[in-house]
Amino acid sequence: MTARQKPEREDRGEQIQAAEREAARQRILAQAEADRIPTEETTRAVPDRRWRRGQR
């Protein structure tokens, strides 16, 4: 067997790993999208009570 030839089982294992990585990537992207905060909400001014506590 030369370096270019791989047993079919190893090749199949690599394909399975690649599919699992892609599925994990898609899950992470879906979760990130679900957790995303719209820009409109991030620009709203919200009082920081921790900062105000030190001002009294």
C-alpha atoms as a PDB file:
ATOM      1  CA  MET A   1       0.000   0.000   0.000  1.00  0.00           C
ATOM      2  CA  THR A   2       1.419   3.382  -0.991  1.00  0.00           C
ATOM      3  CA  ALA A   3       1.004   6.638   0.893  1.00  0.00           C
ATOM      4  CA  ARG A   4      -1.733   7.677  -1.541  1.00  0.00           C
ATOM      5  CA  GLN A   5      -3.828   4.580  -0.915  1.00  0.00           C
ATOM      6  CA  LYS A   6      -5.934   4.531   2.216  1.00  0.00           C
ATOM      7  CA  PRO A   7      -7.995   1.698   3.510  1.00  0.00           C
ATOM      8  CA  GLU A   8     -11.661   2.319   2.771  1.00  0.00           C
ATOM      9  CA  ARG A   9     -12.494   2.225   6.478  1.00  0.00           C
ATOM     10  CA  GLU A  10     -10.184   5.166   7.270  1.00  0.00           C
ATOM     11  CA  ASP A  11     -11.664   7.191   4.414  1.00  0.00           C
ATOM     12  CA  ARG A  12     -15.182   6.464   5.687  1.00  0.00           C
ATOM     13  CA  GLY A  13     -14.110   7.490   9.200  1.00  0.00           C
ATOM     14  CA  GLU A  14     -12.815  10.807   7.873  1.00  0.00           C
ATOM     15  CA  GLN A  15     -16.106  11.387   6.073  1.00  0.00           C
ATOM     16  CA  ILE A  16     -18.043  10.688   9.264  1.00  0.00           C
ATOM     17  CA  GLN A  17     -15.813  13.069  11.248  1.00  0.00           C
ATOM     18  CA  ALA A  18     -16.239  15.788   8.632  1.00  0.00           C
ATOM     19  CA  ALA A  19     -20.027  15.351   8.743  1.00  0.00           C
ATOM     20  CA  GLU A  20     -19.995  15.516  12.551  1.00  0.00           C
ATOM     21  CA  ARG A  21     -17.872  18.687  12.476  1.00  0.00           C
ATOM     22  CA  GLU A  22     -20.271  20.298  10.004  1.00  0.00           C
ATOM     23  CA  ALA A  23     -23.290  19.303  12.109  1.00  0.00           C
ATOM     24  CA  ALA A  24     -21.620  20.762  15.221  1.00  0.00           C
ATOM     25  CA  ARG A  25     -20.823  23.946  13.292  1.00  0.00           C
ATOM     26  CA  GLN A  26     -24.452  24.274  12.219  1.00  0.00           C
ATOM     27  CA  ARG A  27     -25.670  23.732  15.807  1.00  0.00           C
ATOM     28  CA  ILE A  28     -23.283  26.416  17.085  1.00  0.00           C
ATOM     29  CA  LEU A  29     -24.403  28.877  14.399  1.00  0.00           C
ATOM     30  CA  ALA A  30     -28.075  28.160  15.143  1.00  0.00           C
ATOM     31  CA  GLN A  31     -27.511  28.675  18.880  1.00  0.00           C
ATOM     32  CA  ALA A  32     -25.589  31.906  18.254  1.00  0.00           C
ATOM     33  CA  GLU A  33     -28.417  33.204  16.092  1.00  0.00           C
ATOM     34  CA  ALA A  34     -30.962  32.284  18.775  1.00  0.00           C
ATOM     35  CA  ASP A  35     -28.896  34.102  21.434  1.00  0.00           C
ATOM     36  CA  ARG A  36     -28.211  37.151  19.265  1.00  0.00           C
ATOM     37  CA  ILE A  37     -29.387  40.469  20.638  1.00  0.00           C
ATOM     38  CA  PRO A  38     -30.785  42.816  17.982  1.00  0.00           C
ATOM     39  CA  THR A  39     -28.759  45.973  17.461  1.00  0.00           C
ATOM     40  CA  GLU A  40     -31.732  48.131  18.402  1.00  0.00           C
ATOM     41  CA  GLU A  41     -31.673  46.645  21.896  1.00  0.00           C
ATOM     42  CA  THR A  42     -27.915  47.032  22.407  1.00  0.00           C
ATOM     43  CA  THR A  43     -27.942  50.783  21.733  1.00  0.00           C
ATOM     44  CA  ARG A  44     -30.565  51.576  24.373  1.00  0.00           C
ATOM     45  CA  ALA A  45     -29.228  53.348  27.464  1.00  0.00           C
ATOM     46  CA  VAL A  46     -29.673  51.235  30.569  1.00  0.00           C
ATOM     47  CA  PRO A  47     -28.669  52.596  33.966  1.00  0.00           C
ATOM     48  CA  ASP A  48     -25.818  50.696  35.551  1.00  0.00           C
ATOM     49  CA  ARG A  49     -26.812  50.290  39.175  1.00  0.00           C
ATOM     50  CA  ARG A  50     -23.311  49.176  40.154  1.00  0.00           C
ATOM     51  CA  TRP A  51     -21.934  52.525  38.986  1.00  0.00           C
ATOM     52  CA  ARG A  52     -24.748  54.484  40.646  1.00  0.00           C
ATOM     53  CA  ARG A  53     -24.219  52.673  43.937  1.00  0.00           C
ATOM     54  CA  GLY A  54     -20.768  54.272  44.238  1.00  0.00           C
ATOM     55  CA  GLN A  55     -22.195  57.770  43.608  1.00  0.00           C
ATOM     56  CA  ARG A  56     -24.336  57.935  46.728  1.00  0.00           C
END
